[in-house]
Amino acid sequence: MYNEAEGIIACLGVSDLVIVRTDNITFVAHKTEVDRVKEILAELGKDEDKKKYL
């Protein structure tokens, strides 16, 4: 778990997750799916309103 922003990330009953929190984005994925983050970034990049979060 990684938290760049202020605040707390609290999780119960989960395992094998990657959790990353920045100022504007919280990313949660099973550790076996992390390599697919490029797919999410590509989709966000298509939307002008969401590009600011990349």
N, C-alpha and C. Protein backbone atom coordinates (compact mmCIF):
# COMPACT_ATOMS: atom_id res chain seq x y z
N MET A 1 0.85 -1.16 0.00
CA MET A 1 0.00 0.00 0.00
C MET A 1 0.90 1.23 0.00
N TYR A 2 0.53 2.20 -0.83
CA TYR A 2 1.29 3.44 -0.92
C TYR A 2 0.31 4.60 -0.85
N ASN A 3 0.60 5.60 -0.04
CA ASN A 3 -0.27 6.75 0.12
C ASN A 3 0.56 8.02 0.01
N GLU A 4 0.44 8.72 -1.11
CA GLU A 4 1.16 9.96 -1.33
C GLU A 4 0.38 11.15 -0.77
N ALA A 5 -0.93 11.04 -0.71
CA ALA A 5 -1.79 12.12 -0.25
C ALA A 5 -1.95 12.08 1.26
N GLU A 6 -2.49 13.15 1.80
CA GLU A 6 -2.80 13.13 3.24
C GLU A 6 -4.00 12.23 3.46
N GLY A 7 -4.09 11.70 4.64
CA GLY A 7 -5.23 10.86 4.97
C GLY A 7 -4.83 9.43 5.22
N ILE A 8 -5.83 8.61 5.31
CA ILE A 8 -5.63 7.21 5.67
C ILE A 8 -6.30 6.33 4.63
N ILE A 9 -5.65 5.22 4.34
CA ILE A 9 -6.28 4.16 3.56
C ILE A 9 -6.46 3.01 4.53
N ALA A 10 -7.68 2.57 4.73
CA ALA A 10 -7.95 1.47 5.65
C ALA A 10 -8.60 0.33 4.88
N CYS A 11 -8.09 -0.88 5.06
CA CYS A 11 -8.60 -2.05 4.35
C CYS A 11 -8.79 -3.19 5.34
N LEU A 12 -9.86 -3.93 5.16
CA LEU A 12 -10.13 -5.10 5.98
C LEU A 12 -10.49 -6.28 5.09
N GLY A 13 -10.00 -7.42 5.41
CA GLY A 13 -10.40 -8.64 4.72
C GLY A 13 -9.96 -8.72 3.27
N VAL A 14 -8.90 -8.03 2.92
CA VAL A 14 -8.41 -8.10 1.54
C VAL A 14 -6.98 -8.66 1.55
N SER A 15 -6.59 -9.24 0.43
CA SER A 15 -5.23 -9.73 0.33
C SER A 15 -4.77 -9.65 -1.12
N ASP A 16 -3.48 -9.62 -1.28
CA ASP A 16 -2.86 -9.61 -2.60
C ASP A 16 -3.30 -8.44 -3.47
N LEU A 17 -3.54 -7.28 -2.83
CA LEU A 17 -3.92 -6.08 -3.57
C LEU A 17 -2.78 -5.07 -3.58
N VAL A 18 -2.73 -4.31 -4.66
CA VAL A 18 -1.84 -3.17 -4.74
C VAL A 18 -2.75 -1.95 -4.63
N ILE A 19 -2.47 -1.08 -3.67
CA ILE A 19 -3.28 0.12 -3.45
C ILE A 19 -2.34 1.31 -3.48
N VAL A 20 -2.64 2.25 -4.38
CA VAL A 20 -1.83 3.46 -4.50
C VAL A 20 -2.77 4.65 -4.45
N ARG A 21 -2.46 5.59 -3.57
CA ARG A 21 -3.28 6.80 -3.43
C ARG A 21 -2.39 8.01 -3.68
N THR A 22 -2.79 8.87 -4.65
CA THR A 22 -2.14 10.15 -4.86
C THR A 22 -3.19 11.22 -4.58
N ASP A 23 -2.86 12.46 -4.86
CA ASP A 23 -3.82 13.54 -4.59
C ASP A 23 -5.16 13.33 -5.27
N ASN A 24 -5.16 12.87 -6.51
CA ASN A 24 -6.39 12.80 -7.29
C ASN A 24 -6.87 11.41 -7.67
N ILE A 25 -6.06 10.43 -7.41
CA ILE A 25 -6.40 9.08 -7.89
C ILE A 25 -6.15 8.05 -6.80
N THR A 26 -7.06 7.10 -6.68
CA THR A 26 -6.82 5.91 -5.89
C THR A 26 -6.86 4.72 -6.85
N PHE A 27 -5.78 3.97 -6.89
CA PHE A 27 -5.66 2.81 -7.77
C PHE A 27 -5.65 1.57 -6.90
N VAL A 28 -6.55 0.63 -7.21
CA VAL A 28 -6.62 -0.63 -6.48
C VAL A 28 -6.67 -1.75 -7.52
N ALA A 29 -5.77 -2.71 -7.38
CA ALA A 29 -5.75 -3.84 -8.31
C ALA A 29 -5.20 -5.07 -7.60
N HIS A 30 -5.65 -6.21 -8.03
CA HIS A 30 -5.05 -7.44 -7.56
C HIS A 30 -3.62 -7.48 -8.10
N LYS A 31 -2.73 -8.01 -7.34
CA LYS A 31 -1.31 -7.96 -7.72
C LYS A 31 -1.04 -8.65 -9.06
N THR A 32 -1.89 -9.55 -9.48
CA THR A 32 -1.70 -10.22 -10.77
C THR A 32 -2.17 -9.36 -11.95
N GLU A 33 -2.88 -8.26 -11.67
CA GLU A 33 -3.41 -7.41 -12.73
C GLU A 33 -2.66 -6.09 -12.89
N VAL A 34 -1.65 -5.86 -12.08
CA VAL A 34 -0.96 -4.57 -12.08
C VAL A 34 -0.36 -4.24 -13.44
N ASP A 35 0.07 -5.24 -14.17
CA ASP A 35 0.68 -4.98 -15.48
C ASP A 35 -0.32 -4.40 -16.49
N ARG A 36 -1.60 -4.41 -16.17
CA ARG A 36 -2.63 -3.86 -17.05
C ARG A 36 -2.90 -2.37 -16.82
N VAL A 37 -2.13 -1.74 -15.94
CA VAL A 37 -2.34 -0.33 -15.65
C VAL A 37 -2.22 0.52 -16.92
N LYS A 38 -1.44 0.08 -17.89
CA LYS A 38 -1.32 0.81 -19.15
C LYS A 38 -2.67 0.92 -19.86
N GLU A 39 -3.51 -0.10 -19.71
CA GLU A 39 -4.84 -0.07 -20.32
C GLU A 39 -5.69 1.05 -19.70
N ILE A 40 -5.61 1.19 -18.40
CA ILE A 40 -6.37 2.24 -17.71
C ILE A 40 -5.87 3.61 -18.15
N LEU A 41 -4.56 3.77 -18.20
CA LEU A 41 -3.98 5.05 -18.60
C LEU A 41 -4.38 5.41 -20.03
N ALA A 42 -4.42 4.42 -20.91
CA ALA A 42 -4.82 4.67 -22.29
C ALA A 42 -6.27 5.14 -22.36
N GLU A 43 -7.14 4.52 -21.58
CA GLU A 43 -8.55 4.92 -21.57
C GLU A 43 -8.72 6.33 -21.00
N LEU A 44 -8.03 6.62 -19.91
CA LEU A 44 -8.12 7.95 -19.33
C LEU A 44 -7.59 9.00 -20.30
N GLY A 45 -6.56 8.66 -21.05
CA GLY A 45 -5.97 9.59 -21.99
C GLY A 45 -6.88 9.97 -23.14
N LYS A 46 -7.90 9.16 -23.40
CA LYS A 46 -8.86 9.44 -24.46
C LYS A 46 -9.87 10.52 -24.07
N ASP A 47 -10.03 10.75 -22.78
CA ASP A 47 -11.03 11.69 -22.28
C ASP A 47 -10.33 12.98 -21.83
N GLU A 48 -10.64 14.07 -22.51
CA GLU A 48 -9.99 15.36 -22.21
C GLU A 48 -10.17 15.77 -20.76
N ASP A 49 -11.35 15.51 -20.18
CA ASP A 49 -11.61 15.89 -18.80
C ASP A 49 -10.77 15.09 -17.81
N LYS A 50 -10.40 13.90 -18.16
CA LYS A 50 -9.65 13.03 -17.25
C LYS A 50 -8.14 13.10 -17.46
N LYS A 51 -7.68 13.66 -18.57
CA LYS A 51 -6.25 13.75 -18.85
C LYS A 51 -5.51 14.51 -17.75
N LYS A 52 -6.20 15.45 -17.10
CA LYS A 52 -5.54 16.26 -16.06
C LYS A 52 -5.09 15.40 -14.89
N TYR A 53 -5.64 14.22 -14.73
CA TYR A 53 -5.27 13.35 -13.61
C TYR A 53 -4.07 12.47 -13.92
N LEU A 54 -3.64 12.45 -15.18
CA LEU A 54 -2.52 11.59 -15.56
C LEU A 54 -1.19 12.23 -15.23
